[in-house]
Every structure is written in structure tokens, then in C-alpha cells.
Amino acid sequence: MTPTTFTIDTITPTPWKNGGGSTREIAVWPQGAGMDAFDWRISVADIAADGPFSAFSGIDRQIVLIDGAGVHLQAHDDSFCHKLKHVGEPFAFPGDTAVHATLVDGPTRDFNVMTRRGVCRAEVRLMRQPFTVDPADATVLVLVLRGSWDAGEGQQMAAGDGMLMAAGAPAVTLVHKDIAALCLRVTLHKELVK
């Protein structure tokens, strides 16, 4: 079972209906599932203007700033107010809540993980040190944010490169030589529907 590799900038963007940005879908499960039928969905959004995030009933979301000065997220129901300003730090919130996004200082690029509550749960972690991914019983995605990472067998990954490993795939160790290197690791755990 070979990992699937990708580079963000080679994924065709889909413009938002409101004109405020675009989304590049990295992966979705089941494959080809629409917005109302996925178990999980991972994407990158380029936010070009202030505006609303759509609400998704029954969905849990995590967002991570990967480029830009940041974005201020204000829930319409005042349940949270959060400034996303540090590259690589995930922020989790319920997708049921409508959110208004205000750019801090110009456009941003943001990594998004959406999971259907009761079906799948995502663990999103910022990795600074070399690490091993062992997708024995969970799907795992890694995305390089900074530096050059060696994924073994001569495979080098730079900022914007990523790898998706299905459950049961062989373990992969990622190492770097740059003290500023950053990588995101997303582990997607199946949950039993209650």
C-alpha cells in the first residue's frame, strides 16, 4: 500500500461563490463524496477577503494558519472569538456554528480538516522534531509547512508537499536537518456511531 503524495499548488482551486477566496481539496472520504456525505475532508483555503465561513451541521472543524499574518474568527453566536496568528497551531471548533473571518493583514492560506461527528475524529499536531508515522489502524496525512523533510527511499518533501497514508500502510519516518522545519500530522480515527 503506497502512500499518495501531493503538492498543494498543483491542486486546482475552486473559487468561493462569495468571491472571498478559493479552496483546494486535498482528500475526502469516501472518495468523491460531496459536502453533505463525507466522513472526513481535508483542504487548503486561500482567504483573500473578509467574509463568512459556511456552517456544516454535524461536522467538527480544525483550522491551521500555514501562510500569512492571520485571521480573526468570530462565531455568530458568540460561542468563541479566536485570532489564528501562529503558523502551525490548530484551532478546533464546531462546524455547526456560522463564523465570520476577518483578515489581520492581507491574504492567508489555511489548512482545514472537517470530520463528521460520531463517524470520525481528527487529531491535528504540529511536528517540529523527526517523527514516525505508523498508520496501523488510522489514516494519516502529513503536510510540510517549512524546511525539507526526508521521507526515506530518497523522497524529499518541501513546503507545500504532503503524503496521505491509508490505514494499514507501512510506517514512514520523516526527518529534517533544519531547526526551523515544521510539519503537520493529521490522524483520522474511525468512531463507532452511537
Protein backbone atom coordinates (compact mmCIF):
# COMPACT_ATOMS: atom_id res chain seq x y z
CA MET A 1 0.00 0.00 0.00
CA THR A 2 1.94 3.01 -1.32
CA PRO A 3 1.35 6.46 0.20
CA THR A 4 -0.29 9.05 -2.06
CA THR A 5 1.83 12.18 -2.42
CA PHE A 6 0.61 15.66 -3.35
CA THR A 7 1.75 19.27 -3.71
CA ILE A 8 -0.76 21.95 -2.73
CA ASP A 9 -0.01 24.33 -5.60
CA THR A 10 -0.69 21.63 -8.23
CA ILE A 11 -4.26 21.05 -6.92
CA THR A 12 -6.82 23.03 -8.94
CA PRO A 13 -8.51 25.67 -6.75
CA THR A 14 -12.29 26.02 -6.59
CA PRO A 15 -13.36 29.70 -6.22
CA TRP A 16 -15.83 30.51 -3.45
CA LYS A 17 -19.29 31.71 -4.50
CA ASN A 18 -18.82 34.93 -2.49
CA GLY A 19 -15.54 35.74 -4.27
CA GLY A 20 -13.61 35.92 -0.99
CA GLY A 21 -11.21 33.07 -1.67
CA SER A 22 -10.75 29.57 -3.02
CA THR A 23 -10.34 26.01 -1.77
CA ARG A 24 -8.03 23.20 -2.88
CA GLU A 25 -9.39 19.80 -1.81
CA ILE A 26 -6.52 17.51 -0.81
CA ALA A 27 -8.54 14.42 0.08
CA VAL A 28 -12.05 13.33 1.03
CA TRP A 29 -13.54 10.06 2.29
CA PRO A 30 -15.42 8.33 0.83
CA GLN A 31 -13.68 9.34 -2.40
CA GLY A 32 -15.80 11.72 -4.43
CA ALA A 33 -18.18 12.42 -1.54
CA GLY A 34 -19.99 15.75 -1.66
CA MET A 35 -20.21 18.28 1.17
CA ASP A 36 -23.19 16.51 2.75
CA ALA A 37 -21.84 12.93 2.57
CA PHE A 38 -18.15 12.88 3.59
CA ASP A 39 -16.76 11.14 6.69
CA TRP A 40 -13.74 13.45 6.56
CA ARG A 41 -12.44 16.16 4.24
CA ILE A 42 -9.02 17.86 4.17
CA SER A 43 -8.38 21.01 2.17
CA VAL A 44 -6.41 24.23 1.95
CA ALA A 45 -8.17 27.58 1.65
CA ASP A 46 -6.73 30.81 0.31
CA ILE A 47 -8.65 33.62 2.00
CA ALA A 48 -8.45 36.84 0.01
CA ALA A 49 -11.14 38.96 1.73
CA ASP A 50 -13.15 39.22 4.93
CA GLY A 51 -16.32 37.15 4.90
CA PRO A 52 -18.36 34.25 6.27
CA PHE A 53 -17.46 30.60 6.70
CA SER A 54 -20.33 28.27 5.86
CA ALA A 55 -21.88 26.30 8.72
CA PHE A 56 -21.81 22.47 8.45
CA SER A 57 -24.28 20.64 10.68
CA GLY A 58 -22.80 17.64 12.50
CA ILE A 59 -19.23 18.47 11.47
CA ASP A 60 -16.20 19.20 13.67
CA ARG A 61 -13.60 21.52 12.15
CA GLN A 62 -9.93 22.27 12.74
CA ILE A 63 -8.14 25.12 11.01
CA VAL A 64 -4.41 25.87 10.90
CA LEU A 65 -2.71 29.01 9.58
CA ILE A 66 0.01 27.97 7.12
CA ASP A 67 0.83 31.33 5.49
CA GLY A 68 0.03 34.99 6.09
CA ALA A 69 -0.41 37.30 9.06
CA GLY A 70 -3.51 35.58 10.38
CA VAL A 71 -7.27 35.68 10.53
CA HIS A 72 -9.72 36.61 13.28
CA LEU A 73 -12.60 34.12 13.66
CA GLN A 74 -15.81 35.35 15.29
CA ALA A 75 -18.69 32.92 15.89
CA HIS A 76 -22.08 34.43 15.04
CA ASP A 77 -23.50 33.02 18.28
CA ASP A 78 -20.56 34.49 20.30
CA SER A 79 -19.51 30.99 21.44
CA PHE A 80 -15.91 31.82 20.51
CA CYS A 81 -13.68 34.59 19.24
CA HIS A 82 -10.21 33.46 18.16
CA LYS A 83 -7.27 35.03 16.35
CA LEU A 84 -5.41 32.50 14.23
CA LYS A 85 -1.96 34.08 14.09
CA HIS A 86 0.74 31.43 14.67
CA VAL A 87 1.70 29.19 11.74
CA GLY A 88 1.04 25.54 12.50
CA GLU A 89 -1.17 25.90 15.59
CA PRO A 90 -4.54 24.13 15.12
CA PHE A 91 -7.82 25.62 16.33
CA ALA A 92 -10.85 23.34 16.71
CA PHE A 93 -14.46 24.49 16.58
CA PRO A 94 -17.91 23.03 15.85
CA GLY A 95 -18.80 23.31 12.18
CA ASP A 96 -22.46 23.84 13.12
CA THR A 97 -21.52 27.40 14.10
CA ALA A 98 -21.54 30.11 11.45
CA VAL A 99 -18.28 32.09 11.59
CA HIS A 100 -17.13 35.44 10.21
CA ALA A 101 -13.47 35.66 9.19
CA THR A 102 -11.56 38.96 9.24
CA LEU A 103 -8.06 39.06 7.81
CA VAL A 104 -5.39 40.51 10.12
CA ASP A 105 -3.09 41.95 7.44
CA GLY A 106 -3.66 40.63 3.93
CA PRO A 107 -4.50 37.22 2.45
CA THR A 108 -3.86 33.96 4.28
CA ARG A 109 -3.56 30.30 3.41
CA ASP A 110 -5.23 27.95 5.89
CA PHE A 111 -5.29 24.17 6.29
CA ASN A 112 -8.71 22.70 7.11
CA VAL A 113 -9.82 19.35 8.49
CA MET A 114 -13.53 18.52 8.70
CA THR A 115 -14.84 15.31 10.28
CA ARG A 116 -18.37 14.00 10.68
CA ARG A 117 -19.17 13.84 14.38
CA GLY A 118 -19.68 10.27 15.65
CA VAL A 119 -18.10 8.81 12.48
CA CYS A 120 -14.54 10.13 12.51
CA ARG A 121 -12.28 12.14 14.80
CA ALA A 122 -9.14 14.02 13.73
CA GLU A 123 -6.02 14.62 15.78
CA VAL A 124 -4.01 17.51 14.26
CA ARG A 125 -0.48 18.05 15.61
CA LEU A 126 2.37 20.38 14.71
CA MET A 127 5.62 18.42 14.44
CA ARG A 128 9.00 20.13 14.94
CA GLN A 129 11.16 17.05 15.55
CA PRO A 130 11.69 13.96 13.37
CA PHE A 131 8.82 11.50 13.82
CA THR A 132 7.50 8.14 12.64
CA VAL A 133 4.03 7.71 11.18
CA ASP A 134 2.57 4.24 11.75
CA PRO A 135 -0.89 4.16 10.15
CA ALA A 136 -1.67 0.70 11.55
CA ASP A 137 -5.30 1.43 12.37
CA ALA A 138 -5.88 5.02 11.20
CA THR A 139 -5.50 7.10 8.03
CA VAL A 140 -2.68 9.64 8.39
CA LEU A 141 -1.85 12.76 6.36
CA VAL A 142 1.31 14.84 6.70
CA LEU A 143 1.91 18.29 5.21
CA VAL A 144 5.28 20.06 5.24
CA LEU A 145 4.99 23.71 6.29
CA ARG A 146 8.69 24.68 6.46
CA GLY A 147 12.05 23.15 5.67
CA SER A 148 13.00 19.99 3.84
CA TRP A 149 11.91 16.62 5.23
CA ASP A 150 13.32 13.24 4.20
CA ALA A 151 10.62 10.55 3.99
CA GLY A 152 13.05 7.72 3.19
CA GLU A 153 13.93 5.92 -0.05
CA GLY A 154 15.27 9.19 -1.48
CA GLN A 155 11.96 11.04 -1.15
CA GLN A 156 12.44 14.70 -0.17
CA MET A 157 9.45 16.82 0.83
CA ALA A 158 9.46 20.64 0.82
CA ALA A 159 6.92 23.23 1.99
CA GLY A 160 3.55 22.50 0.40
CA ASP A 161 4.31 18.82 -0.16
CA GLY A 162 2.31 16.15 1.60
CA MET A 163 1.60 12.46 1.89
CA LEU A 164 -1.62 10.52 2.59
CA MET A 165 -1.28 7.05 4.11
CA ALA A 166 -4.26 4.70 4.34
CA ALA A 167 -4.79 2.57 7.43
CA GLY A 168 -2.55 -0.48 7.23
CA ALA A 169 0.17 1.21 5.17
CA PRO A 170 3.82 0.67 6.19
CA ALA A 171 5.33 3.06 8.74
CA VAL A 172 7.25 6.08 7.42
CA THR A 173 9.86 8.11 9.33
CA LEU A 174 10.27 11.80 8.49
CA VAL A 175 13.49 13.58 9.42
CA HIS A 176 14.93 17.05 8.78
CA LYS A 177 18.17 18.95 9.26
CA ASP A 178 16.66 22.44 9.59
CA ILE A 179 15.90 23.67 13.12
CA ALA A 180 13.01 25.80 11.74
CA ALA A 181 11.33 22.86 9.96
CA LEU A 182 7.62 22.36 10.61
CA CYS A 183 5.23 19.61 9.55
CA LEU A 184 1.55 18.93 10.27
CA ARG A 185 0.39 15.41 11.12
CA VAL A 186 -3.31 14.57 10.88
CA THR A 187 -4.51 11.23 12.27
CA LEU A 188 -8.07 10.26 11.30
CA HIS A 189 -9.65 7.83 13.76
CA LYS A 190 -12.88 5.97 12.98
CA GLU A 191 -15.55 6.22 15.65
CA LEU A 192 -18.46 3.94 16.30
CA VAL A 193 -21.78 5.63 15.62
CA LYS A 194 -23.74 5.76 18.87
